[in-house]
Amino acid sequence: MKELLVLFSCLFFLAFLVPWKLRHWCAIIGWTCIVLFLFAEVPYYLSINNFMYPVMAVLSVPFLAITARHLLAREVLVMQLSTAAAVAFLIYAPFAYTPLGDWLISGVVGQTAWMLEAFGYPPLTLDWNLLSRNNFRVEIILACTGIQAIAIMLGVVSAVKTTMEQKVWSFFLIVPTIYVLNILRNTAVIIAYTEQWFPFLPEIAGNGEFGYESFFWAHNVFAEGLALLLLIGIAWGLFRIIPDLADFATGLVQLYWHDIRRAFRKDR
């Protein structure tokens, strides 16, 4: 079911890119499928004590309401935001629904294993997507490759008109940076988990699996936090390369903030 929600979202966002009179409805359905997917993932993330994504799911409801209202009004900024989402899906879809995804995962596994070896923590490669150290196994999935972040940031760039030079500089800021740092992230998480660096607060971080606490702190807290800071840094770099993108982001924040404030004023 969850996979179908992602597929439907992808298809409707791609349909949004086609210039026809109902394209705004395609974007609304695309955003709705994303929100439903976030809620469908809540039990899984709660099972691994990851609370960031459940919070995102809750916050996505008012976001969807505001987005749908502005799409029906053909608001330019929200149409641009939907274009960014559609382009992100266009980049992500080949890796999610074709053998390219397995090829990427296999490459990331090999490069992560090489990096672990370089740092003095040699792993065993159990399968094309499985590494092991000290009897702890780690499966590398598509989410561990950085392709989602790359697709999202490249999609953001597509939200505004850019010159060829801006496109090239943006590509090199986004793709190599995220890809290389993601390999380092995988390496650090695997070392921390297999060496049991953070066996703290099992009542918060534990899930009943031996040694999971170190994975929780390394992956769900430190790596997630650093990834967020990285995306903020890349966004700042993109604003320097593409000033119109900064104006777009500012206008979008002001638009949503205005609607949120107006909703709270109505409740009083």
C-alpha atoms as a PDB file:
ATOM      1  CA  MET A   1       0.000   0.000   0.000  1.00  0.00           C
ATOM      2  CA  LYS A   2       2.776   2.421   0.940  1.00  0.00           C
ATOM      3  CA  GLU A   3       4.624   1.704  -2.282  1.00  0.00           C
ATOM      4  CA  LEU A   4       1.429   2.424  -4.250  1.00  0.00           C
ATOM      5  CA  LEU A   5       1.068   5.805  -2.533  1.00  0.00           C
ATOM      6  CA  VAL A   6       4.578   6.759  -3.640  1.00  0.00           C
ATOM      7  CA  LEU A   7       3.864   5.517  -7.156  1.00  0.00           C
ATOM      8  CA  PHE A   8       0.555   7.407  -7.387  1.00  0.00           C
ATOM      9  CA  SER A   9       2.208  10.553  -6.051  1.00  0.00           C
ATOM     10  CA  CYS A  10       4.943  10.209  -8.651  1.00  0.00           C
ATOM     11  CA  LEU A  11       2.465   9.669 -11.506  1.00  0.00           C
ATOM     12  CA  PHE A  12       0.235  12.590 -10.554  1.00  0.00           C
ATOM     13  CA  PHE A  13       3.176  14.960 -10.120  1.00  0.00           C
ATOM     14  CA  LEU A  14       4.480  13.933 -13.524  1.00  0.00           C
ATOM     15  CA  ALA A  15       0.988  14.587 -14.943  1.00  0.00           C
ATOM     16  CA  PHE A  16       1.177  18.037 -13.326  1.00  0.00           C
ATOM     17  CA  LEU A  17       4.127  18.861 -15.587  1.00  0.00           C
ATOM     18  CA  VAL A  18       1.844  18.482 -18.624  1.00  0.00           C
ATOM     19  CA  PRO A  19       0.244  21.875 -19.441  1.00  0.00           C
ATOM     20  CA  TRP A  20      -3.492  21.107 -19.277  1.00  0.00           C
ATOM     21  CA  LYS A  21      -6.461  22.613 -17.443  1.00  0.00           C
ATOM     22  CA  LEU A  22      -6.612  20.042 -14.623  1.00  0.00           C
ATOM     23  CA  ARG A  23      -2.904  20.023 -13.807  1.00  0.00           C
ATOM     24  CA  HIS A  24      -3.465  21.771 -10.457  1.00  0.00           C
ATOM     25  CA  TRP A  25      -5.688  18.850  -9.386  1.00  0.00           C
ATOM     26  CA  CYS A  26      -2.865  16.461 -10.252  1.00  0.00           C
ATOM     27  CA  ALA A  27      -0.577  18.390  -7.903  1.00  0.00           C
ATOM     28  CA  ILE A  28      -3.186  18.305  -5.125  1.00  0.00           C
ATOM     29  CA  ILE A  29      -3.527  14.519  -5.465  1.00  0.00           C
ATOM     30  CA  GLY A  30       0.265  14.189  -5.578  1.00  0.00           C
ATOM     31  CA  TRP A  31       0.699  16.151  -2.336  1.00  0.00           C
ATOM     32  CA  THR A  32      -2.168  14.193  -0.727  1.00  0.00           C
ATOM     33  CA  CYS A  33      -0.469  10.886  -1.542  1.00  0.00           C
ATOM     34  CA  ILE A  34       2.754  12.145   0.057  1.00  0.00           C
ATOM     35  CA  VAL A  35       0.891  13.077   3.254  1.00  0.00           C
ATOM     36  CA  LEU A  36      -0.880   9.691   3.338  1.00  0.00           C
ATOM     37  CA  PHE A  37       2.483   7.984   2.835  1.00  0.00           C
ATOM     38  CA  LEU A  38       3.964   9.884   5.786  1.00  0.00           C
ATOM     39  CA  PHE A  39       1.114   8.679   8.009  1.00  0.00           C
ATOM     40  CA  ALA A  40       1.454   5.125   6.685  1.00  0.00           C
ATOM     41  CA  GLU A  41       5.122   5.220   7.739  1.00  0.00           C
ATOM     42  CA  VAL A  42       4.391   6.433  11.294  1.00  0.00           C
ATOM     43  CA  PRO A  43       4.132   2.927  12.884  1.00  0.00           C
ATOM     44  CA  TYR A  44       7.479   1.933  11.376  1.00  0.00           C
ATOM     45  CA  TYR A  45       9.266   5.057  12.562  1.00  0.00           C
ATOM     46  CA  LEU A  46       7.758   4.761  16.033  1.00  0.00           C
ATOM     47  CA  SER A  47       8.985   1.145  16.153  1.00  0.00           C
ATOM     48  CA  ILE A  48      12.558   2.366  15.665  1.00  0.00           C
ATOM     49  CA  ASN A  49      12.075   5.320  18.054  1.00  0.00           C
ATOM     50  CA  ASN A  50      12.384   7.896  15.283  1.00  0.00           C
ATOM     51  CA  PHE A  51      10.029  10.748  16.162  1.00  0.00           C
ATOM     52  CA  MET A  52      11.060  13.278  13.519  1.00  0.00           C
ATOM     53  CA  TYR A  53       9.005  11.716  10.721  1.00  0.00           C
ATOM     54  CA  PRO A  54       5.817  11.269  12.807  1.00  0.00           C
ATOM     55  CA  VAL A  55       6.061  14.972  13.691  1.00  0.00           C
ATOM     56  CA  MET A  56       6.501  15.740   9.988  1.00  0.00           C
ATOM     57  CA  ALA A  57       3.361  13.700   9.268  1.00  0.00           C
ATOM     58  CA  VAL A  58       1.316  15.773  11.720  1.00  0.00           C
ATOM     59  CA  LEU A  59       2.686  19.053  10.342  1.00  0.00           C
ATOM     60  CA  SER A  60       1.974  17.912   6.789  1.00  0.00           C
ATOM     61  CA  VAL A  61      -1.796  18.179   7.357  1.00  0.00           C
ATOM     62  CA  PRO A  62      -1.969  21.993   7.624  1.00  0.00           C
ATOM     63  CA  PHE A  63       0.680  22.186   4.888  1.00  0.00           C
ATOM     64  CA  LEU A  64      -1.581  20.149   2.592  1.00  0.00           C
ATOM     65  CA  ALA A  65      -4.632  22.284   3.395  1.00  0.00           C
ATOM     66  CA  ILE A  66      -2.775  25.517   2.602  1.00  0.00           C
ATOM     67  CA  THR A  67      -1.138  24.054  -0.502  1.00  0.00           C
ATOM     68  CA  ALA A  68      -4.421  22.730  -1.913  1.00  0.00           C
ATOM     69  CA  ARG A  69      -6.166  26.071  -1.390  1.00  0.00           C
ATOM     70  CA  HIS A  70      -3.438  27.971  -3.219  1.00  0.00           C
ATOM     71  CA  LEU A  71      -3.233  25.409  -6.025  1.00  0.00           C
ATOM     72  CA  LEU A  72      -6.963  25.832  -6.645  1.00  0.00           C
ATOM     73  CA  ALA A  73      -6.314  29.573  -6.868  1.00  0.00           C
ATOM     74  CA  ARG A  74      -3.369  28.946  -9.254  1.00  0.00           C
ATOM     75  CA  GLU A  75      -0.982  30.743  -6.873  1.00  0.00           C
ATOM     76  CA  VAL A  76       2.313  31.080  -8.766  1.00  0.00           C
ATOM     77  CA  LEU A  77       4.617  30.307  -5.832  1.00  0.00           C
ATOM     78  CA  VAL A  78       2.771  27.103  -4.922  1.00  0.00           C
ATOM     79  CA  MET A  79       2.654  26.047  -8.577  1.00  0.00           C
ATOM     80  CA  GLN A  80       6.448  26.522  -8.623  1.00  0.00           C
ATOM     81  CA  LEU A  81       6.754  24.448  -5.445  1.00  0.00           C
ATOM     82  CA  SER A  82       4.735  21.680  -7.083  1.00  0.00           C
ATOM     83  CA  THR A  83       6.994  21.882 -10.130  1.00  0.00           C
ATOM     84  CA  ALA A  84       9.968  21.325  -7.822  1.00  0.00           C
ATOM     85  CA  ALA A  85       8.259  18.244  -6.347  1.00  0.00           C
ATOM     86  CA  ALA A  86       7.439  16.915  -9.822  1.00  0.00           C
ATOM     87  CA  VAL A  87      11.019  17.311 -11.049  1.00  0.00           C
ATOM     88  CA  ALA A  88      12.301  15.652  -7.867  1.00  0.00           C
ATOM     89  CA  PHE A  89      10.070  12.655  -8.603  1.00  0.00           C
ATOM     90  CA  LEU A  90      11.222  12.657 -12.220  1.00  0.00           C
ATOM     91  CA  ILE A  91      14.810  12.246 -10.973  1.00  0.00           C
ATOM     92  CA  TYR A  92      13.950   9.790  -8.190  1.00  0.00           C
ATOM     93  CA  ALA A  93      11.557   7.497 -10.097  1.00  0.00           C
ATOM     94  CA  PRO A  94      14.173   5.659 -12.233  1.00  0.00           C
ATOM     95  CA  PHE A  95      16.041   4.667  -9.074  1.00  0.00           C
ATOM     96  CA  ALA A  96      12.865   3.649  -7.228  1.00  0.00           C
ATOM     97  CA  TYR A  97      11.210   1.631  -9.986  1.00  0.00           C
ATOM     98  CA  THR A  98      13.996   0.252 -12.192  1.00  0.00           C
ATOM     99  CA  PRO A  99      17.199  -1.799 -11.620  1.00  0.00           C
ATOM    100  CA  LEU A 100      19.076   1.512 -11.376  1.00  0.00           C
ATOM    101  CA  GLY A 101      18.142   1.545  -7.686  1.00  0.00           C
ATOM    102  CA  ASP A 102      19.832  -1.790  -6.990  1.00  0.00           C
ATOM    103  CA  TRP A 103      22.840  -0.679  -9.032  1.00  0.00           C
ATOM    104  CA  LEU A 104      23.127   2.472  -6.915  1.00  0.00           C
ATOM    105  CA  ILE A 105      22.739   0.544  -3.660  1.00  0.00           C
ATOM    106  CA  SER A 106      25.419  -1.934  -4.723  1.00  0.00           C
ATOM    107  CA  GLY A 107      27.798   0.910  -5.548  1.00  0.00           C
ATOM    108  CA  VAL A 108      27.171   2.597  -2.202  1.00  0.00           C
ATOM    109  CA  VAL A 109      27.762  -0.703  -0.375  1.00  0.00           C
ATOM    110  CA  GLY A 110      31.120  -1.138  -2.107  1.00  0.00           C
ATOM    111  CA  GLN A 111      32.211   2.443  -1.449  1.00  0.00           C
ATOM    112  CA  THR A 112      31.072   2.312   2.179  1.00  0.00           C
ATOM    113  CA  ALA A 113      32.986  -0.954   2.667  1.00  0.00           C
ATOM    114  CA  TRP A 114      36.070   0.661   1.136  1.00  0.00           C
ATOM    115  CA  MET A 115      35.717   3.652   3.459  1.00  0.00           C
ATOM    116  CA  LEU A 116      35.327   1.402   6.500  1.00  0.00           C
ATOM    117  CA  GLU A 117      38.478  -0.447   5.447  1.00  0.00           C
ATOM    118  CA  ALA A 118      40.320   2.862   5.048  1.00  0.00           C
ATOM    119  CA  PHE A 119      39.363   3.909   8.593  1.00  0.00           C
ATOM    120  CA  GLY A 120      40.530   0.583  10.022  1.00  0.00           C
ATOM    121  CA  TYR A 121      37.125  -1.033  10.545  1.00  0.00           C
ATOM    122  CA  PRO A 122      36.993  -3.687   7.789  1.00  0.00           C
ATOM    123  CA  PRO A 123      33.513  -5.189   7.271  1.00  0.00           C
ATOM    124  CA  LEU A 124      32.309  -8.453   5.815  1.00  0.00           C
ATOM    125  CA  THR A 125      30.163  -8.143   2.692  1.00  0.00           C
ATOM    126  CA  LEU A 126      27.408 -10.707   3.237  1.00  0.00           C
ATOM    127  CA  ASP A 127      25.403  -9.821   0.146  1.00  0.00           C
ATOM    128  CA  TRP A 128      25.102  -7.102  -2.480  1.00  0.00           C
ATOM    129  CA  ASN A 129      23.288  -4.899   0.083  1.00  0.00           C
ATOM    130  CA  LEU A 130      24.491  -6.296   3.423  1.00  0.00           C
ATOM    131  CA  LEU A 131      27.554  -5.470   5.515  1.00  0.00           C
ATOM    132  CA  SER A 132      28.560  -7.005   8.838  1.00  0.00           C
ATOM    133  CA  ARG A 133      31.003  -6.199  11.645  1.00  0.00           C
ATOM    134  CA  ASN A 134      31.314  -7.691  15.122  1.00  0.00           C
ATOM    135  CA  ASN A 135      28.180  -9.801  14.486  1.00  0.00           C
ATOM    136  CA  PHE A 136      26.088  -6.706  13.743  1.00  0.00           C
ATOM    137  CA  ARG A 137      24.493  -6.629  10.298  1.00  0.00           C
ATOM    138  CA  VAL A 138      23.611  -3.458   8.388  1.00  0.00           C
ATOM    139  CA  GLU A 139      21.389  -3.423   5.315  1.00  0.00           C
ATOM    140  CA  ILE A 140      21.916  -0.582   2.847  1.00  0.00           C
ATOM    141  CA  ILE A 141      18.609   0.480   1.267  1.00  0.00           C
ATOM    142  CA  LEU A 142      17.779   3.171  -1.282  1.00  0.00           C
ATOM    143  CA  ALA A 143      17.289   5.710   1.510  1.00  0.00           C
ATOM    144  CA  CYS A 144      20.958   5.173   2.444  1.00  0.00           C
ATOM    145  CA  THR A 145      22.218   6.323  -0.976  1.00  0.00           C
ATOM    146  CA  GLY A 146      21.374  10.023  -0.725  1.00  0.00           C
ATOM    147  CA  ILE A 147      19.276   9.909  -3.900  1.00  0.00           C
ATOM    148  CA  GLN A 148      16.190  11.365  -2.180  1.00  0.00           C
ATOM    149  CA  ALA A 149      18.095  14.414  -0.941  1.00  0.00           C
ATOM    150  CA  ILE A 150      19.780  14.848  -4.328  1.00  0.00           C
ATOM    151  CA  ALA A 151      16.431  14.633  -6.148  1.00  0.00           C
ATOM    152  CA  ILE A 152      14.761  17.085  -3.763  1.00  0.00           C
ATOM    153  CA  MET A 153      17.529  19.686  -4.026  1.00  0.00           C
ATOM    154  CA  LEU A 154      17.721  19.405  -7.824  1.00  0.00           C
ATOM    155  CA  GLY A 155      13.942  19.744  -7.865  1.00  0.00           C
ATOM    156  CA  VAL A 156      14.186  22.920  -5.796  1.00  0.00           C
ATOM    157  CA  VAL A 157      16.591  24.386  -8.352  1.00  0.00           C
ATOM    158  CA  SER A 158      13.998  23.745 -11.071  1.00  0.00           C
ATOM    159  CA  ALA A 159      11.436  25.896  -9.263  1.00  0.00           C
ATOM    160  CA  VAL A 160      12.856  29.087 -10.807  1.00  0.00           C
ATOM    161  CA  LYS A 161      14.333  30.007 -14.164  1.00  0.00           C
ATOM    162  CA  THR A 162      18.116  29.612 -14.256  1.00  0.00           C
ATOM    163  CA  THR A 163      20.957  30.112 -16.693  1.00  0.00           C
ATOM    164  CA  MET A 164      23.053  27.190 -17.895  1.00  0.00           C
ATOM    165  CA  GLU A 165      25.934  28.381 -15.711  1.00  0.00           C
ATOM    166  CA  GLN A 166      23.677  28.427 -12.644  1.00  0.00           C
ATOM    167  CA  LYS A 167      22.433  24.920 -13.465  1.00  0.00           C
ATOM    168  CA  VAL A 168      25.981  23.569 -13.758  1.00  0.00           C
ATOM    169  CA  TRP A 169      27.199  25.170 -10.521  1.00  0.00           C
ATOM    170  CA  SER A 170      24.066  24.002  -8.693  1.00  0.00           C
ATOM    171  CA  PHE A 171      24.537  20.437  -9.941  1.00  0.00           C
ATOM    172  CA  PHE A 172      28.123  20.283  -8.700  1.00  0.00           C
ATOM    173  CA  LEU A 173      27.173  21.819  -5.363  1.00  0.00           C
ATOM    174  CA  ILE A 174      24.369  19.308  -4.825  1.00  0.00           C
ATOM    175  CA  VAL A 175      25.285  15.934  -6.317  1.00  0.00           C
ATOM    176  CA  PRO A 176      28.953  15.310  -5.370  1.00  0.00           C
ATOM    177  CA  THR A 177      28.549  16.999  -1.975  1.00  0.00           C
ATOM    178  CA  ILE A 178      25.537  14.968  -0.888  1.00  0.00           C
ATOM    179  CA  TYR A 179      26.838  11.722  -2.372  1.00  0.00           C
ATOM    180  CA  VAL A 180      30.300  11.859  -0.772  1.00  0.00           C
ATOM    181  CA  LEU A 181      29.038  13.064   2.603  1.00  0.00           C
ATOM    182  CA  ASN A 182      26.385  10.344   2.536  1.00  0.00           C
ATOM    183  CA  ILE A 183      29.109   7.697   2.158  1.00  0.00           C
ATOM    184  CA  LEU A 184      30.861   9.237   5.163  1.00  0.00           C
ATOM    185  CA  ARG A 185      27.546   9.238   7.039  1.00  0.00           C
ATOM    186  CA  ASN A 186      26.996   5.535   6.338  1.00  0.00           C
ATOM    187  CA  THR A 187      30.556   4.814   7.424  1.00  0.00           C
ATOM    188  CA  ALA A 188      30.215   6.727  10.692  1.00  0.00           C
ATOM    189  CA  VAL A 189      26.868   5.117  11.546  1.00  0.00           C
ATOM    190  CA  ILE A 190      28.182   1.597  10.878  1.00  0.00           C
ATOM    191  CA  ILE A 191      31.311   2.203  12.974  1.00  0.00           C
ATOM    192  CA  ALA A 192      29.276   3.650  15.853  1.00  0.00           C
ATOM    193  CA  TYR A 193      26.777   0.778  15.707  1.00  0.00           C
ATOM    194  CA  THR A 194      29.201  -2.111  15.324  1.00  0.00           C
ATOM    195  CA  GLU A 195      31.598  -0.691  17.928  1.00  0.00           C
ATOM    196  CA  GLN A 196      28.690   0.123  20.282  1.00  0.00           C
ATOM    197  CA  TRP A 197      29.763   3.712  20.908  1.00  0.00           C
ATOM    198  CA  PHE A 198      26.420   4.986  22.241  1.00  0.00           C
ATOM    199  CA  PRO A 199      24.696   2.335  24.411  1.00  0.00           C
ATOM    200  CA  PHE A 200      22.820   5.061  26.290  1.00  0.00           C
ATOM    201  CA  LEU A 201      19.255   5.427  27.600  1.00  0.00           C
ATOM    202  CA  PRO A 202      17.847   2.083  26.436  1.00  0.00           C
ATOM    203  CA  GLU A 203      14.420   3.089  27.787  1.00  0.00           C
ATOM    204  CA  ILE A 204      14.333   5.782  25.071  1.00  0.00           C
ATOM    205  CA  ALA A 205      16.592   4.401  22.362  1.00  0.00           C
ATOM    206  CA  GLY A 206      16.060   0.651  22.685  1.00  0.00           C
ATOM    207  CA  ASN A 207      13.652  -1.507  20.701  1.00  0.00           C
ATOM    208  CA  GLY A 208      14.411  -4.908  22.209  1.00  0.00           C
ATOM    209  CA  GLU A 209      17.178  -5.684  19.718  1.00  0.00           C
ATOM    210  CA  PHE A 210      20.617  -6.122  21.249  1.00  0.00           C
ATOM    211  CA  GLY A 211      22.863  -3.117  20.616  1.00  0.00           C
ATOM    212  CA  TYR A 212      20.191  -1.076  18.830  1.00  0.00           C
ATOM    213  CA  GLU A 213      20.760   1.939  21.089  1.00  0.00           C
ATOM    214  CA  SER A 214      24.040   2.818  19.372  1.00  0.00           C
ATOM    215  CA  PHE A 215      22.333   2.659  15.980  1.00  0.00           C
ATOM    216  CA  PHE A 216      19.509   4.868  17.248  1.00  0.00           C
ATOM    217  CA  TRP A 217      21.806   7.649  18.468  1.00  0.00           C
ATOM    218  CA  ALA A 218      24.175   7.432  15.504  1.00  0.00           C
ATOM    219  CA  HIS A 219      21.536   7.165  12.771  1.00  0.00           C
ATOM    220  CA  ASN A 220      18.342   8.755  14.108  1.00  0.00           C
ATOM    221  CA  VAL A 221      19.881  11.607  16.087  1.00  0.00           C
ATOM    222  CA  PHE A 222      23.415  12.585  15.101  1.00  0.00           C
ATOM    223  CA  ALA A 223      23.285  11.639  11.404  1.00  0.00           C
ATOM    224  CA  GLU A 224      19.784  13.096  10.918  1.00  0.00           C
ATOM    225  CA  GLY A 225      20.805  16.334  12.618  1.00  0.00           C
ATOM    226  CA  LEU A 226      23.991  16.687  10.581  1.00  0.00           C
ATOM    227  CA  ALA A 227      22.070  15.888   7.375  1.00  0.00           C
ATOM    228  CA  LEU A 228      19.641  18.698   8.154  1.00  0.00           C
ATOM    229  CA  LEU A 229      22.520  21.117   8.713  1.00  0.00           C
ATOM    230  CA  LEU A 230      24.070  19.955   5.425  1.00  0.00           C
ATOM    231  CA  LEU A 231      20.854  20.650   3.500  1.00  0.00           C
ATOM    232  CA  ILE A 232      20.620  24.093   5.096  1.00  0.00           C
ATOM    233  CA  GLY A 233      24.221  24.764   4.036  1.00  0.00           C
ATOM    234  CA  ILE A 234      23.525  23.611   0.478  1.00  0.00           C
ATOM    235  CA  ALA A 235      20.392  25.772   0.366  1.00  0.00           C
ATOM    236  CA  TRP A 236      22.475  28.782   1.436  1.00  0.00           C
ATOM    237  CA  GLY A 237      24.968  28.013  -1.337  1.00  0.00           C
ATOM    238  CA  LEU A 238      22.142  27.717  -3.874  1.00  0.00           C
ATOM    239  CA  PHE A 239      20.772  31.089  -2.786  1.00  0.00           C
ATOM    240  CA  ARG A 240      24.182  32.597  -3.532  1.00  0.00           C
ATOM    241  CA  ILE A 241      24.297  30.946  -6.962  1.00  0.00           C
ATOM    242  CA  ILE A 242      20.630  31.638  -7.815  1.00  0.00           C
ATOM    243  CA  PRO A 243      19.367  34.836  -6.121  1.00  0.00           C
ATOM    244  CA  ASP A 244      15.873  34.249  -7.562  1.00  0.00           C
ATOM    245  CA  LEU A 245      15.723  31.021  -5.575  1.00  0.00           C
ATOM    246  CA  ALA A 246      16.203  32.978  -2.350  1.00  0.00           C
ATOM    247  CA  ASP A 247      13.359  35.305  -3.361  1.00  0.00           C
ATOM    248  CA  PHE A 248      11.175  32.277  -4.145  1.00  0.00           C
ATOM    249  CA  ALA A 249      11.909  30.674  -0.756  1.00  0.00           C
ATOM    250  CA  THR A 250      11.242  33.945   1.090  1.00  0.00           C
ATOM    251  CA  GLY A 251       7.954  34.466  -0.728  1.00  0.00           C
ATOM    252  CA  LEU A 252       6.870  30.888  -0.045  1.00  0.00           C
ATOM    253  CA  VAL A 253       7.634  31.121   3.682  1.00  0.00           C
ATOM    254  CA  GLN A 254       5.751  34.423   3.914  1.00  0.00           C
ATOM    255  CA  LEU A 255       2.763  32.947   2.064  1.00  0.00           C
ATOM    256  CA  TYR A 256       2.444  29.924   4.359  1.00  0.00           C
ATOM    257  CA  TRP A 257       3.194  31.915   7.505  1.00  0.00           C
ATOM    258  CA  HIS A 258       0.475  34.432   6.586  1.00  0.00           C
ATOM    259  CA  ASP A 259      -2.069  31.621   6.238  1.00  0.00           C
ATOM    260  CA  ILE A 260      -1.029  30.008   9.535  1.00  0.00           C
ATOM    261  CA  ARG A 261      -1.309  33.313  11.396  1.00  0.00           C
ATOM    262  CA  ARG A 262      -4.706  33.998   9.821  1.00  0.00           C
ATOM    263  CA  ALA A 263      -5.941  30.545  10.894  1.00  0.00           C
ATOM    264  CA  PHE A 264      -4.897  31.177  14.502  1.00  0.00           C
ATOM    265  CA  ARG A 265      -6.558  34.612  14.498  1.00  0.00           C
ATOM    266  CA  LYS A 266      -9.839  32.988  13.379  1.00  0.00           C
ATOM    267  CA  ASP A 267      -9.681  30.582  16.318  1.00  0.00           C
ATOM    268  CA  ARG A 268      -9.620  33.405  18.846  1.00  0.00           C
END
